[in-house]
Amino acid sequence: MRRAALLLALVATGCYARHERGYAPSDGGVSPFEGVWLVDQPFHALYEATRYELAPDGRFIEECSISFGDPAAIPVGQVARTADGLRCELVGPWSSLRPEVLAIEGYCDDSVRRTVVLDVVWDGDRPSAVTLQKVDGEETGWEHPGFEWRWLPCGVATAGECEVCD
């Protein structure tokens, strides 16, 4: 029993270590990603949204989700492999090497953790675009399923934008 617990601890540590080595937080102070974010699909008639907290210590906390349509569309923070539909839900931890790159660990349908890397284009204090760069080093063959997503930092949102699940 002890060996099994030790093996499990080593495997879990290995997953996090891989993530931290590739995308370690910089020493440049507060990341623009820290705080509460709304990830939604605003261009879909059956609106879906998930609110996350990106904590300073790397935790990626799902606060709430809402869907007026397909329950499989939430949480909105997920990616899928186009070849076979394998889905990975963003669960954390998160980190950022620089303001244009956000890395978040995903937990996938096949019980494997994969690092999801997003490219972020900023327009002032809000992202104008967030695109999927790669999943576990694979630069092609992955997408955000469904409709276009929007990443909105709640600290700069207009009144009511981030209160969709309250």
Protein backbone atom coordinates (compact mmCIF):
# COMPACT_ATOMS: atom_id res chain seq x y z
CA MET A 1 0.00 0.00 0.00
CA ARG A 2 2.83 2.38 0.85
CA ARG A 3 4.51 1.78 -2.49
CA ALA A 4 1.29 2.51 -4.36
CA ALA A 5 0.85 5.79 -2.48
CA LEU A 6 4.48 6.75 -3.12
CA LEU A 7 4.17 5.91 -6.81
CA LEU A 8 1.00 7.97 -7.08
CA ALA A 9 2.72 10.93 -5.37
CA LEU A 10 5.70 10.70 -7.72
CA VAL A 11 3.52 10.52 -10.82
CA ALA A 12 1.42 13.49 -9.70
CA THR A 13 4.55 15.50 -8.86
CA GLY A 14 5.99 14.69 -12.27
CA CYS A 15 2.97 16.14 -14.02
CA TYR A 16 3.22 19.40 -12.11
CA ALA A 17 7.00 19.56 -12.45
CA ARG A 18 6.76 19.26 -16.22
CA HIS A 19 4.34 22.16 -16.31
CA GLU A 20 6.40 24.35 -13.99
CA ARG A 21 9.67 23.77 -15.85
CA GLY A 22 8.25 24.88 -19.17
CA TYR A 23 6.23 27.85 -18.01
CA ALA A 24 7.57 28.98 -14.67
CA PRO A 25 6.20 32.26 -13.29
CA SER A 26 8.52 35.18 -13.88
CA ASP A 27 9.96 37.28 -11.08
CA GLY A 28 8.55 40.38 -12.77
CA GLY A 29 5.82 40.97 -10.20
CA VAL A 30 2.09 40.45 -10.53
CA SER A 31 0.96 38.62 -13.66
CA PRO A 32 -1.81 40.22 -15.73
CA PHE A 33 -3.59 36.87 -15.49
CA GLU A 34 -3.99 36.90 -11.70
CA GLY A 35 -7.56 37.47 -10.60
CA VAL A 36 -11.08 36.46 -11.57
CA TRP A 37 -11.87 35.76 -15.23
CA LEU A 38 -15.03 35.04 -17.18
CA VAL A 39 -14.56 32.60 -20.05
CA ASP A 40 -17.66 32.58 -22.21
CA GLN A 41 -19.02 31.97 -25.69
CA PRO A 42 -20.80 35.28 -26.35
CA PHE A 43 -21.54 34.59 -30.03
CA HIS A 44 -23.64 31.49 -29.32
CA ALA A 45 -27.41 31.86 -28.99
CA LEU A 46 -27.37 29.26 -26.19
CA TYR A 47 -24.89 31.12 -24.01
CA GLU A 48 -22.29 29.28 -21.90
CA ALA A 49 -19.93 30.81 -19.36
CA THR A 50 -17.54 29.74 -16.63
CA ARG A 51 -15.93 32.04 -14.09
CA TYR A 52 -12.46 31.14 -12.85
CA GLU A 53 -10.07 32.53 -10.29
CA LEU A 54 -6.41 32.44 -11.30
CA ALA A 55 -4.83 32.59 -7.86
CA PRO A 56 -1.32 34.03 -7.32
CA ASP A 57 -0.12 30.61 -6.11
CA GLY A 58 -1.05 28.94 -9.42
CA ARG A 59 -4.41 27.48 -8.44
CA PHE A 60 -7.03 27.60 -11.22
CA ILE A 61 -10.38 27.62 -9.43
CA GLU A 62 -13.72 27.15 -11.18
CA GLU A 63 -16.14 29.44 -9.34
CA CYS A 64 -19.31 28.79 -11.33
CA SER A 65 -20.68 27.76 -14.72
CA ILE A 66 -23.90 28.44 -16.59
CA SER A 67 -25.35 27.04 -19.82
CA PHE A 68 -28.56 27.78 -21.66
CA GLY A 69 -27.92 24.86 -24.00
CA ASP A 70 -25.70 21.80 -24.12
CA PRO A 71 -24.44 20.82 -20.64
CA ALA A 72 -21.38 19.23 -22.31
CA ALA A 73 -20.32 22.75 -23.35
CA ILE A 74 -19.45 23.64 -19.76
CA PRO A 75 -17.13 24.30 -18.26
CA VAL A 76 -16.16 26.57 -21.14
CA GLY A 77 -12.46 26.13 -20.36
CA GLN A 78 -11.82 23.02 -22.39
CA VAL A 79 -10.03 21.96 -25.55
CA ALA A 80 -10.57 18.97 -27.84
CA ARG A 81 -8.41 16.94 -30.18
CA THR A 82 -9.94 17.12 -33.66
CA ALA A 83 -8.90 13.60 -34.70
CA ASP A 84 -10.85 11.72 -32.03
CA GLY A 85 -12.77 14.28 -29.94
CA LEU A 86 -10.67 13.70 -26.81
CA ARG A 87 -11.50 16.57 -24.43
CA CYS A 88 -9.30 18.21 -21.83
CA GLU A 89 -10.84 20.39 -19.15
CA LEU A 90 -8.67 23.22 -17.82
CA VAL A 91 -8.11 22.46 -14.13
CA GLY A 92 -4.76 24.03 -13.24
CA PRO A 93 -2.31 24.89 -12.03
CA TRP A 94 -1.71 27.90 -14.26
CA SER A 95 1.43 29.91 -14.95
CA SER A 96 2.70 32.54 -17.33
CA LEU A 97 6.19 33.13 -18.63
CA ARG A 98 5.19 36.48 -20.15
CA PRO A 99 1.97 38.49 -20.65
CA GLU A 100 1.31 36.95 -24.07
CA VAL A 101 1.40 33.30 -22.94
CA LEU A 102 -0.83 31.51 -20.45
CA ALA A 103 -0.25 27.83 -19.61
CA ILE A 104 -2.89 25.79 -17.78
CA GLU A 105 -2.88 22.11 -16.95
CA GLY A 106 -5.78 20.20 -18.44
CA TYR A 107 -7.24 16.91 -17.27
CA CYS A 108 -8.35 14.84 -20.23
CA ASP A 109 -10.98 12.17 -20.88
CA ASP A 110 -8.22 9.54 -21.04
CA SER A 111 -7.15 10.43 -17.45
CA VAL A 112 -3.95 12.09 -18.68
CA ARG A 113 -2.88 15.61 -17.70
CA ARG A 114 -1.73 17.80 -20.58
CA THR A 115 -0.38 21.35 -20.59
CA VAL A 116 -2.59 23.71 -22.61
CA VAL A 117 -0.78 26.82 -23.85
CA LEU A 118 -2.76 29.88 -24.94
CA ASP A 119 -1.57 32.92 -26.91
CA VAL A 120 -3.07 36.18 -25.67
CA VAL A 121 -3.27 39.42 -27.67
CA TRP A 122 -3.95 42.38 -25.38
CA ASP A 123 -5.94 45.50 -26.23
CA GLY A 124 -5.14 47.70 -23.26
CA ASP A 125 -6.25 45.89 -20.10
CA ARG A 126 -8.38 43.26 -21.92
CA PRO A 127 -7.44 40.47 -24.29
CA SER A 128 -8.67 41.06 -27.82
CA ALA A 129 -7.94 37.44 -28.75
CA VAL A 130 -7.05 34.23 -26.93
CA THR A 131 -6.02 31.38 -29.19
CA LEU A 132 -4.85 27.85 -28.57
CA GLN A 133 -1.10 27.59 -29.24
CA LYS A 134 -0.48 23.95 -28.33
CA VAL A 135 -1.46 21.06 -26.11
CA ASP A 136 1.39 19.08 -24.57
CA GLY A 137 3.71 20.29 -27.32
CA GLU A 138 1.33 19.41 -30.18
CA GLU A 139 0.82 22.60 -32.20
CA THR A 140 -1.85 21.17 -34.51
CA GLY A 141 -4.88 18.97 -34.14
CA TRP A 142 -6.45 20.71 -31.12
CA GLU A 143 -9.18 23.35 -30.82
CA HIS A 144 -11.59 24.97 -28.41
CA PRO A 145 -14.82 23.04 -29.17
CA GLY A 146 -18.01 24.81 -30.04
CA PHE A 147 -18.12 28.54 -30.55
CA GLU A 148 -15.49 31.25 -30.24
CA TRP A 149 -14.52 31.91 -26.64
CA ARG A 150 -13.82 35.19 -24.90
CA TRP A 151 -11.54 35.63 -21.88
CA LEU A 152 -12.60 38.64 -19.82
CA PRO A 153 -10.70 39.79 -16.71
CA CYS A 154 -13.45 40.67 -14.25
CA GLY A 155 -11.36 43.43 -12.70
CA VAL A 156 -11.88 45.56 -15.81
CA ALA A 157 -15.31 44.28 -16.87
CA THR A 158 -18.29 46.58 -17.07
CA ALA A 159 -21.02 46.21 -14.46
CA GLY A 160 -22.85 42.91 -14.77
CA GLU A 161 -20.50 41.22 -17.25
CA CYS A 162 -18.96 38.80 -14.74
CA GLU A 163 -22.07 38.21 -12.62
CA VAL A 164 -23.64 35.76 -15.08
CA CYS A 165 -23.67 32.86 -12.60
CA ASP A 166 -24.58 34.79 -9.47
